[in-house]
C-alpha atoms as a PDB file:
ATOM      1  CA  MET A   1       9.548  13.878   8.316  1.00  0.00           C
ATOM      2  CA  SER A   2      12.427  15.670   9.902  1.00  0.00           C
ATOM      3  CA  ALA A   3      14.997  13.523   7.934  1.00  0.00           C
ATOM      4  CA  CYS A   4      13.355  14.437   4.712  1.00  0.00           C
ATOM      5  CA  VAL A   5      13.170  18.154   5.658  1.00  0.00           C
ATOM      6  CA  GLY A   6      16.882  18.066   6.743  1.00  0.00           C
ATOM      7  CA  GLU A   7      17.952  16.539   3.463  1.00  0.00           C
ATOM      8  CA  HIS A   8      15.815  18.742   1.217  1.00  0.00           C
ATOM      9  CA  GLY A   9      15.836  22.012   3.164  1.00  0.00           C
ATOM     10  CA  ARG A  10      12.119  22.180   3.584  1.00  0.00           C
ATOM     11  CA  PHE A  11       8.976  19.963   3.154  1.00  0.00           C
ATOM     12  CA  SER A  12       8.984  20.343  -0.559  1.00  0.00           C
ATOM     13  CA  HIS A  13       7.493  18.127  -3.152  1.00  0.00           C
ATOM     14  CA  ILE A  14      10.635  16.000  -3.391  1.00  0.00           C
ATOM     15  CA  ALA A  15      10.626  15.711   0.489  1.00  0.00           C
ATOM     16  CA  HIS A  16       7.073  14.482   0.286  1.00  0.00           C
ATOM     17  CA  LEU A  17       8.058  11.739  -2.190  1.00  0.00           C
ATOM     18  CA  HIS A  18      11.164  10.908  -0.054  1.00  0.00           C
ATOM     19  CA  LEU A  19       8.925  10.464   2.942  1.00  0.00           C
ATOM     20  CA  ALA A  20       6.597   8.117   1.053  1.00  0.00           C
ATOM     21  CA  TRP A  21       9.751   6.075   0.166  1.00  0.00           C
ATOM     22  CA  LEU A  22      10.879   5.909   3.631  1.00  0.00           C
ATOM     23  CA  LEU A  23       7.448   4.792   4.835  1.00  0.00           C
ATOM     24  CA  LEU A  24       7.413   2.060   2.212  1.00  0.00           C
ATOM     25  CA  GLU A  25      10.769   0.856   3.596  1.00  0.00           C
ATOM     26  CA  GLU A  26       9.230   0.420   7.014  1.00  0.00           C
ATOM     27  CA  THR A  27       5.605  -0.903   6.548  1.00  0.00           C
ATOM     28  CA  SER A  28       3.088  -2.391   4.186  1.00  0.00           C
ATOM     29  CA  VAL A  29       1.725  -0.285   1.257  1.00  0.00           C
ATOM     30  CA  LEU A  30      -1.481   0.307   2.873  1.00  0.00           C
ATOM     31  CA  GLY A  31       0.096   1.292   6.132  1.00  0.00           C
ATOM     32  CA  ALA A  32       2.527   3.618   4.376  1.00  0.00           C
ATOM     33  CA  LEU A  33      -0.212   5.214   2.434  1.00  0.00           C
ATOM     34  CA  ALA A  34      -2.282   5.787   5.570  1.00  0.00           C
ATOM     35  CA  GLN A  35       0.778   7.300   7.547  1.00  0.00           C
ATOM     36  CA  PHE A  36       1.685   9.337   4.554  1.00  0.00           C
ATOM     37  CA  GLY A  37      -1.710  10.967   3.968  1.00  0.00           C
ATOM     38  CA  THR A  38      -2.163  11.562   7.752  1.00  0.00           C
ATOM     39  CA  GLY A  39       1.290  13.061   8.097  1.00  0.00           C
ATOM     40  CA  VAL A  40       1.090  15.353   5.272  1.00  0.00           C
ATOM     41  CA  ARG A  41      -2.304  16.604   6.239  1.00  0.00           C
ATOM     42  CA  ALA A  42      -1.153  17.140   9.843  1.00  0.00           C
ATOM     43  CA  LEU A  43       2.003  19.136   8.607  1.00  0.00           C
ATOM     44  CA  ALA A  44      -0.172  21.254   6.381  1.00  0.00           C
ATOM     45  CA  ASP A  45      -2.614  21.871   9.404  1.00  0.00           C
ATOM     46  CA  SER A  46       0.216  22.702  11.832  1.00  0.00           C
ATOM     47  CA  ALA A  47       1.746  25.071   9.281  1.00  0.00           C
ATOM     48  CA  GLY A  48      -1.502  26.996   8.906  1.00  0.00           C
ATOM     49  CA  GLN A  49      -1.894  25.841   5.413  1.00  0.00           C
ATOM     50  CA  ALA A  50      -4.707  23.330   5.635  1.00  0.00           C
ATOM     51  CA  ASP A  51      -6.076  24.702   2.305  1.00  0.00           C
ATOM     52  CA  ARG A  52      -2.968  23.439   0.527  1.00  0.00           C
ATOM     53  CA  TYR A  53      -3.442  19.783   1.329  1.00  0.00           C
ATOM     54  CA  ASN A  54      -4.930  17.718  -1.472  1.00  0.00           C
ATOM     55  CA  ALA A  55      -5.725  14.104  -0.709  1.00  0.00           C
ATOM     56  CA  THR A  56      -6.061  13.202  -4.372  1.00  0.00           C
ATOM     57  CA  LEU A  57      -2.663  14.615  -5.303  1.00  0.00           C
ATOM     58  CA  THR A  58      -1.016  13.043  -2.340  1.00  0.00           C
ATOM     59  CA  THR A  59      -2.400   9.627  -3.015  1.00  0.00           C
ATOM     60  CA  ALA A  60      -1.744   9.849  -6.848  1.00  0.00           C
ATOM     61  CA  TYR A  61       1.888  10.637  -6.362  1.00  0.00           C
ATOM     62  CA  PHE A  62       2.223   7.934  -3.688  1.00  0.00           C
ATOM     63  CA  LEU A  63       0.828   5.471  -6.156  1.00  0.00           C
ATOM     64  CA  LEU A  64       3.086   6.701  -9.052  1.00  0.00           C
ATOM     65  CA  LEU A  65       6.095   6.351  -6.731  1.00  0.00           C
ATOM     66  CA  LEU A  66       4.984   2.813  -5.842  1.00  0.00           C
ATOM     67  CA  GLU A  67       4.491   1.837  -9.440  1.00  0.00           C
ATOM     68  CA  ARG A  68       8.008   2.901 -10.377  1.00  0.00           C
ATOM     69  CA  ARG A  69       9.720   1.602  -7.336  1.00  0.00           C
ATOM     70  CA  GLU A  70      11.922  -1.408  -8.112  1.00  0.00           C
ATOM     71  CA  PRO A  71      12.768  -4.113  -5.669  1.00  0.00           C
ATOM     72  CA  GLY A  72      16.114  -3.472  -3.813  1.00  0.00           C
ATOM     73  CA  GLN A  73      16.310  -0.049  -5.415  1.00  0.00           C
ATOM     74  CA  VAL A  74      17.730   2.720  -3.182  1.00  0.00           C
ATOM     75  CA  TRP A  75      16.520   6.309  -2.954  1.00  0.00           C
ATOM     76  CA  PRO A  76      19.255   7.994  -4.916  1.00  0.00           C
ATOM     77  CA  ASP A  77      18.940   5.688  -7.774  1.00  0.00           C
ATOM     78  CA  PHE A  78      15.203   5.966  -7.811  1.00  0.00           C
ATOM     79  CA  ALA A  79      15.448   9.728  -7.808  1.00  0.00           C
ATOM     80  CA  ALA A  80      17.969   9.692 -10.641  1.00  0.00           C
ATOM     81  CA  HIS A  81      15.721   7.619 -12.842  1.00  0.00           C
ATOM     82  CA  ASN A  82      12.498   9.349 -12.122  1.00  0.00           C
ATOM     83  CA  ALA A  83      13.189  12.998 -12.442  1.00  0.00           C
ATOM     84  CA  ASP A  84       9.684  13.714 -13.892  1.00  0.00           C
ATOM     85  CA  LEU A  85       8.157  12.753 -10.575  1.00  0.00           C
ATOM     86  CA  PHE A  86      10.105  15.529  -8.795  1.00  0.00           C
ATOM     87  CA  ASP A  87       9.297  18.153 -11.350  1.00  0.00           C
ATOM     88  CA  TRP A  88       6.002  19.803 -10.273  1.00  0.00           C
ATOM     89  CA  ALA A  89       5.711  21.321 -13.818  1.00  0.00           C
ATOM     90  CA  GLN A  90       5.246  17.711 -15.109  1.00  0.00           C
ATOM     91  CA  ARG A  91       2.030  17.187 -13.063  1.00  0.00           C
ATOM     92  CA  ASP A  92      -0.188  17.688 -16.079  1.00  0.00           C
ATOM     93  CA  HIS A  93       2.029  15.240 -18.109  1.00  0.00           C
ATOM     94  CA  LEU A  94       1.691  12.694 -15.304  1.00  0.00           C
ATOM     95  CA  LEU A  95      -1.890  13.096 -14.243  1.00  0.00           C
ATOM     96  CA  GLY A  96      -3.672  14.985 -17.000  1.00  0.00           C
ATOM     97  CA  ALA A  97      -5.028  11.915 -18.657  1.00  0.00           C
ATOM     98  CA  PHE A  98      -6.698  10.951 -15.416  1.00  0.00           C
ATOM     99  CA  TYR A  99      -7.670  14.275 -13.885  1.00  0.00           C
ATOM    100  CA  ASP A 100      -8.491  17.754 -14.926  1.00  0.00           C
ATOM    101  CA  ASP A 101      -7.623  20.840 -13.029  1.00  0.00           C
ATOM    102  CA  ALA A 102     -11.086  21.704 -11.949  1.00  0.00           C
ATOM    103  CA  LEU A 103     -11.468  18.235 -10.351  1.00  0.00           C
ATOM    104  CA  LEU A 104      -8.046  18.392  -8.775  1.00  0.00           C
ATOM    105  CA  GLN A 105      -8.863  21.779  -7.084  1.00  0.00           C
ATOM    106  CA  SER A 106     -12.315  20.785  -6.023  1.00  0.00           C
ATOM    107  CA  PRO A 107     -13.139  20.472  -2.354  1.00  0.00           C
ATOM    108  CA  ALA A 108     -13.938  16.730  -2.885  1.00  0.00           C
ATOM    109  CA  ALA A 109     -10.404  15.966  -4.179  1.00  0.00           C
ATOM    110  CA  ARG A 110      -8.778  18.033  -1.417  1.00  0.00           C
ATOM    111  CA  GLN A 111     -10.695  16.151   1.289  1.00  0.00           C
ATOM    112  CA  ALA A 112     -10.576  12.636  -0.021  1.00  0.00           C
ATOM    113  CA  PHE A 113      -8.912  10.570  -2.833  1.00  0.00           C
ATOM    114  CA  VAL A 114     -10.940  10.760  -6.077  1.00  0.00           C
ATOM    115  CA  MET A 115     -10.593   7.738  -8.387  1.00  0.00           C
ATOM    116  CA  PRO A 116      -8.944   8.649 -11.772  1.00  0.00           C
ATOM    117  CA  ARG A 117     -11.021   8.548 -14.804  1.00  0.00           C
ATOM    118  CA  LEU A 118      -9.994   6.361 -17.750  1.00  0.00           C
ATOM    119  CA  PRO A 119      -7.983   8.037 -20.319  1.00  0.00           C
ATOM    120  CA  GLY A 120     -10.044   9.491 -23.090  1.00  0.00           C
ATOM    121  CA  SER A 121     -13.288   9.528 -21.243  1.00  0.00           C
END
């Protein structure tokens, strides 16, 4: 985490995604996902911002990164080709077909990953 904070200046959205990338470089997908969720939650707790942690958003962005990641790709190239993932304002564009705001802000979505709904349902 400290490498991501050092590079990005704070533990911002881009730093979250960079951490996910680094974890995927080190371990299996499921191991990286578990460490990512646990680490981000612990960071929010230690900063006194436990209410800001959202398990569904954390997992959804991890899965988007995983889906777009190409074998052998390096972080700077990934970041350059996936600018929409780093722009928080694009959240509705990226996740709106699967989640509405009320669900994403619900206690259930904050505590545990909520499966996406099928687009159009």
